[in-house]
């Protein structure tokens, strides 16, 4: 094995990942090899997953940057954090987290739409076409927000109503022990059996 290969083998994945990320952020002639290696490192190292699963958060932050500044920006960022806590983001499943991110982003868009609507339409003399445009715009953004909330509610209901997972284990002497893993509502209970087989 060459000296170069040995050096590459000894590189810590986290450091290599950080170096590639830094290179990409600077747009320093990122090659297809760099991109492929970045994906390989991200996929194969669970510790790096939080670094590459922030797309919606980044989009939301960019949106807040564009529609606010100073105090209003601080308030929006704080309100998003509070909203995520109220929706139990930290204890949610991965699917729920994706939907919570979608809800908070849709909410920011709705805040922006309401602000635009107020400054453009309220107490203003507008043509029927312009007034209808803004009414449709606000309705569409509001609908997206409601659908995001409904999706989260439906998924949470499905997750909490899933039956517990049951594992059948045959112990010495032929007695069977059925072990149930609790579902997200914590309802699973271990059950002892006389050896009958259960699906």
Protein backbone atom coordinates (compact mmCIF):
# COMPACT_ATOMS: atom_id res chain seq x y z
CA UNK A 1 0.00 0.00 0.00
CA UNK A 2 1.36 3.43 -0.97
CA UNK A 3 2.17 6.15 1.55
CA UNK A 4 -0.61 8.31 0.07
CA UNK A 5 -3.15 5.51 0.53
CA UNK A 6 -2.06 5.05 4.15
CA UNK A 7 -2.49 8.77 4.82
CA UNK A 8 -5.97 8.77 3.26
CA UNK A 9 -6.94 5.72 5.29
CA UNK A 10 -5.98 7.45 8.53
CA UNK A 11 -8.02 10.61 7.86
CA UNK A 12 -10.85 10.97 10.36
CA UNK A 13 -14.19 10.90 8.46
CA UNK A 14 -15.50 13.88 10.42
CA UNK A 15 -12.43 15.97 9.51
CA UNK A 16 -12.59 14.90 5.88
CA UNK A 17 -16.31 15.74 5.82
CA UNK A 18 -15.66 19.16 7.39
CA UNK A 19 -12.91 19.90 4.86
CA UNK A 20 -15.16 18.98 1.94
CA UNK A 21 -18.03 21.02 3.38
CA UNK A 22 -15.74 24.03 3.77
CA UNK A 23 -14.55 23.60 0.19
CA UNK A 24 -18.14 23.43 -1.09
CA UNK A 25 -19.15 26.53 0.87
CA UNK A 26 -16.28 28.45 -0.75
CA UNK A 27 -17.08 27.01 -4.21
CA UNK A 28 -13.43 26.00 -4.59
CA UNK A 29 -13.63 23.96 -7.80
CA UNK A 30 -15.73 21.18 -6.31
CA UNK A 31 -15.32 18.07 -8.47
CA UNK A 32 -17.67 15.13 -9.02
CA UNK A 33 -15.24 13.06 -6.95
CA UNK A 34 -15.60 15.55 -4.07
CA UNK A 35 -19.39 15.39 -4.31
CA UNK A 36 -19.43 11.59 -4.41
CA UNK A 37 -17.05 11.36 -1.44
CA UNK A 38 -19.12 13.90 0.52
CA UNK A 39 -22.27 11.81 -0.03
CA UNK A 40 -20.43 8.60 0.89
CA UNK A 41 -19.18 10.10 4.16
CA UNK A 42 -22.59 11.57 4.99
CA UNK A 43 -24.49 8.35 4.34
CA UNK A 44 -22.10 6.00 6.09
CA UNK A 45 -21.59 8.01 9.30
CA UNK A 46 -24.71 8.50 11.44
CA UNK A 47 -22.93 11.13 13.53
CA UNK A 48 -22.83 13.33 10.42
CA UNK A 49 -26.51 12.98 9.56
CA UNK A 50 -27.61 16.08 11.52
CA UNK A 51 -25.24 18.12 9.33
CA UNK A 52 -26.88 17.02 6.08
CA UNK A 53 -30.54 16.93 7.06
CA UNK A 54 -31.04 20.64 7.55
CA UNK A 55 -32.28 21.61 4.07
CA UNK A 56 -35.70 22.84 5.24
CA UNK A 57 -34.14 24.70 8.15
CA UNK A 58 -31.72 26.43 5.78
CA UNK A 59 -34.56 27.38 3.43
CA UNK A 60 -36.58 28.73 6.36
CA UNK A 61 -33.60 30.79 7.59
CA UNK A 62 -33.02 32.21 4.09
CA UNK A 63 -36.71 33.10 3.88
CA UNK A 64 -36.58 34.88 7.25
CA UNK A 65 -33.43 36.74 6.13
CA UNK A 66 -35.27 37.99 3.03
CA UNK A 67 -38.49 39.09 4.67
CA UNK A 68 -37.22 40.59 7.92
CA UNK A 69 -34.34 42.34 9.65
CA UNK A 70 -33.11 43.27 13.09
CA UNK A 71 -35.87 42.91 15.70
CA UNK A 72 -38.45 41.30 13.39
CA UNK A 73 -35.86 38.73 12.32
CA UNK A 74 -35.00 37.93 15.93
CA UNK A 75 -38.69 37.59 16.77
CA UNK A 76 -39.40 35.26 13.84
CA UNK A 77 -36.39 33.05 14.60
CA UNK A 78 -37.40 32.90 18.26
CA UNK A 79 -41.02 32.13 17.41
CA UNK A 80 -39.96 29.27 15.11
CA UNK A 81 -37.87 27.80 17.94
CA UNK A 82 -40.78 28.13 20.39
CA UNK A 83 -43.20 26.59 17.87
CA UNK A 84 -40.88 23.61 17.34
CA UNK A 85 -40.67 23.07 21.09
CA UNK A 86 -44.47 23.25 21.43
CA UNK A 87 -44.72 20.60 18.71
CA UNK A 88 -42.23 18.37 20.63
CA UNK A 89 -39.64 18.47 17.84
CA UNK A 90 -36.82 17.04 19.98
CA UNK A 91 -38.83 13.93 20.95
CA UNK A 92 -40.53 13.44 17.59
CA UNK A 93 -39.82 10.66 15.10
CA UNK A 94 -37.86 11.50 11.96
CA UNK A 95 -41.02 11.62 9.84
CA UNK A 96 -42.68 13.95 12.34
CA UNK A 97 -39.62 16.20 12.35
CA UNK A 98 -39.78 16.54 8.57
CA UNK A 99 -43.43 17.56 8.85
CA UNK A 100 -42.78 19.96 11.75
CA UNK A 101 -40.11 21.64 9.63
CA UNK A 102 -42.66 21.90 6.82
CA UNK A 103 -45.28 23.38 9.19
CA UNK A 104 -42.90 26.04 10.52
CA UNK A 105 -41.75 27.00 7.02
CA UNK A 106 -45.35 27.21 5.79
CA UNK A 107 -46.15 29.33 8.84
CA UNK A 108 -43.33 31.80 7.99
CA UNK A 109 -44.68 32.04 4.44
CA UNK A 110 -48.15 32.72 5.84
CA UNK A 111 -46.82 35.49 8.12
CA UNK A 112 -45.11 37.05 5.11
CA UNK A 113 -48.27 36.74 2.97
CA UNK A 114 -50.42 38.30 5.69
CA UNK A 115 -47.97 41.18 5.99
CA UNK A 116 -47.95 41.74 2.22
CA UNK A 117 -51.73 41.52 2.09
CA UNK A 118 -52.14 44.06 4.88
CA UNK A 119 -49.69 46.56 3.40
CA UNK A 120 -51.05 46.18 -0.15
CA UNK A 121 -54.79 45.67 0.25
CA UNK A 122 -56.07 46.92 3.60
CA UNK A 123 -57.51 50.46 3.35
CA UNK A 124 -56.27 50.78 -0.24
CA UNK A 125 -58.21 51.54 -3.40
CA UNK A 126 -57.53 48.64 -5.78
CA UNK A 127 -58.96 47.38 -9.00
CA UNK A 128 -61.07 44.24 -8.79
CA UNK A 129 -58.38 42.18 -10.58
CA UNK A 130 -55.60 43.28 -8.23
CA UNK A 131 -57.77 42.73 -5.15
CA UNK A 132 -58.71 39.26 -6.44
CA UNK A 133 -55.04 38.42 -7.08
CA UNK A 134 -54.07 39.20 -3.50
CA UNK A 135 -57.10 37.41 -2.12
CA UNK A 136 -56.18 34.27 -4.12
CA UNK A 137 -52.53 34.55 -3.07
CA UNK A 138 -53.38 34.74 0.62
CA UNK A 139 -55.89 31.89 0.31
CA UNK A 140 -53.33 29.67 -1.44
CA UNK A 141 -50.62 30.30 1.19
CA UNK A 142 -53.12 29.73 3.99
CA UNK A 143 -54.22 26.47 2.34
CA UNK A 144 -50.64 25.20 2.18
CA UNK A 145 -50.19 25.96 5.87
CA UNK A 146 -53.42 24.16 6.82
CA UNK A 147 -52.45 21.12 4.72
CA UNK A 148 -49.04 21.00 6.43
CA UNK A 149 -50.69 21.07 9.87
CA UNK A 150 -53.23 18.40 8.85
CA UNK A 151 -50.46 16.16 7.49
CA UNK A 152 -48.57 16.37 10.77
CA UNK A 153 -51.76 15.63 12.74
CA UNK A 154 -52.59 12.61 10.57
CA UNK A 155 -49.09 11.13 10.81
CA UNK A 156 -49.01 11.64 14.57
CA UNK A 157 -52.37 9.91 14.92
CA UNK A 158 -51.14 6.98 12.82
CA UNK A 159 -47.92 6.65 14.81
CA UNK A 160 -49.68 6.78 18.18
CA UNK A 161 -52.28 4.21 17.09
CA UNK A 162 -49.79 1.66 15.80
CA UNK A 163 -50.13 -1.67 17.64
CA UNK A 164 -47.14 -2.62 19.80
CA UNK A 165 -44.56 -4.96 18.31
CA UNK A 166 -44.73 -8.47 19.80
CA UNK A 167 -41.75 -10.83 19.87
CA UNK A 168 -42.29 -14.50 20.77
CA UNK A 169 -39.41 -16.09 22.67
CA UNK A 170 -39.34 -19.78 23.62
CA UNK A 171 -37.71 -20.24 27.03
CA UNK A 172 -36.24 -23.42 28.56
CA UNK A 173 -38.92 -25.94 29.44
CA UNK A 174 -41.14 -24.97 26.51
CA UNK A 175 -42.78 -21.97 28.15
CA UNK A 176 -43.19 -19.10 25.73
CA UNK A 177 -42.67 -15.50 26.73
CA UNK A 178 -44.29 -12.86 24.56
CA UNK A 179 -42.43 -9.57 24.83
CA UNK A 180 -44.18 -6.49 23.53
CA UNK A 181 -42.24 -3.40 22.62
CA UNK A 182 -44.23 -0.30 23.60
CA UNK A 183 -45.56 1.84 20.80
CA UNK A 184 -45.15 5.60 20.96
CA UNK A 185 -48.05 5.79 23.39
CA UNK A 186 -46.26 3.37 25.73
CA UNK A 187 -49.06 0.78 25.82
CA UNK A 188 -47.08 -2.41 25.20
CA UNK A 189 -47.01 -4.87 28.11
CA UNK A 190 -45.07 -8.14 28.46
CA UNK A 191 -47.31 -11.21 28.49
CA UNK A 192 -46.48 -14.71 29.74
CA UNK A 193 -47.95 -17.64 27.83
CA UNK A 194 -48.34 -21.39 28.34
CA UNK A 195 -46.62 -22.16 25.06
CA UNK A 196 -49.38 -21.46 22.57
CA UNK A 197 -48.16 -19.98 19.32
CA UNK A 198 -49.22 -16.41 18.51
CA UNK A 199 -48.92 -14.50 15.28
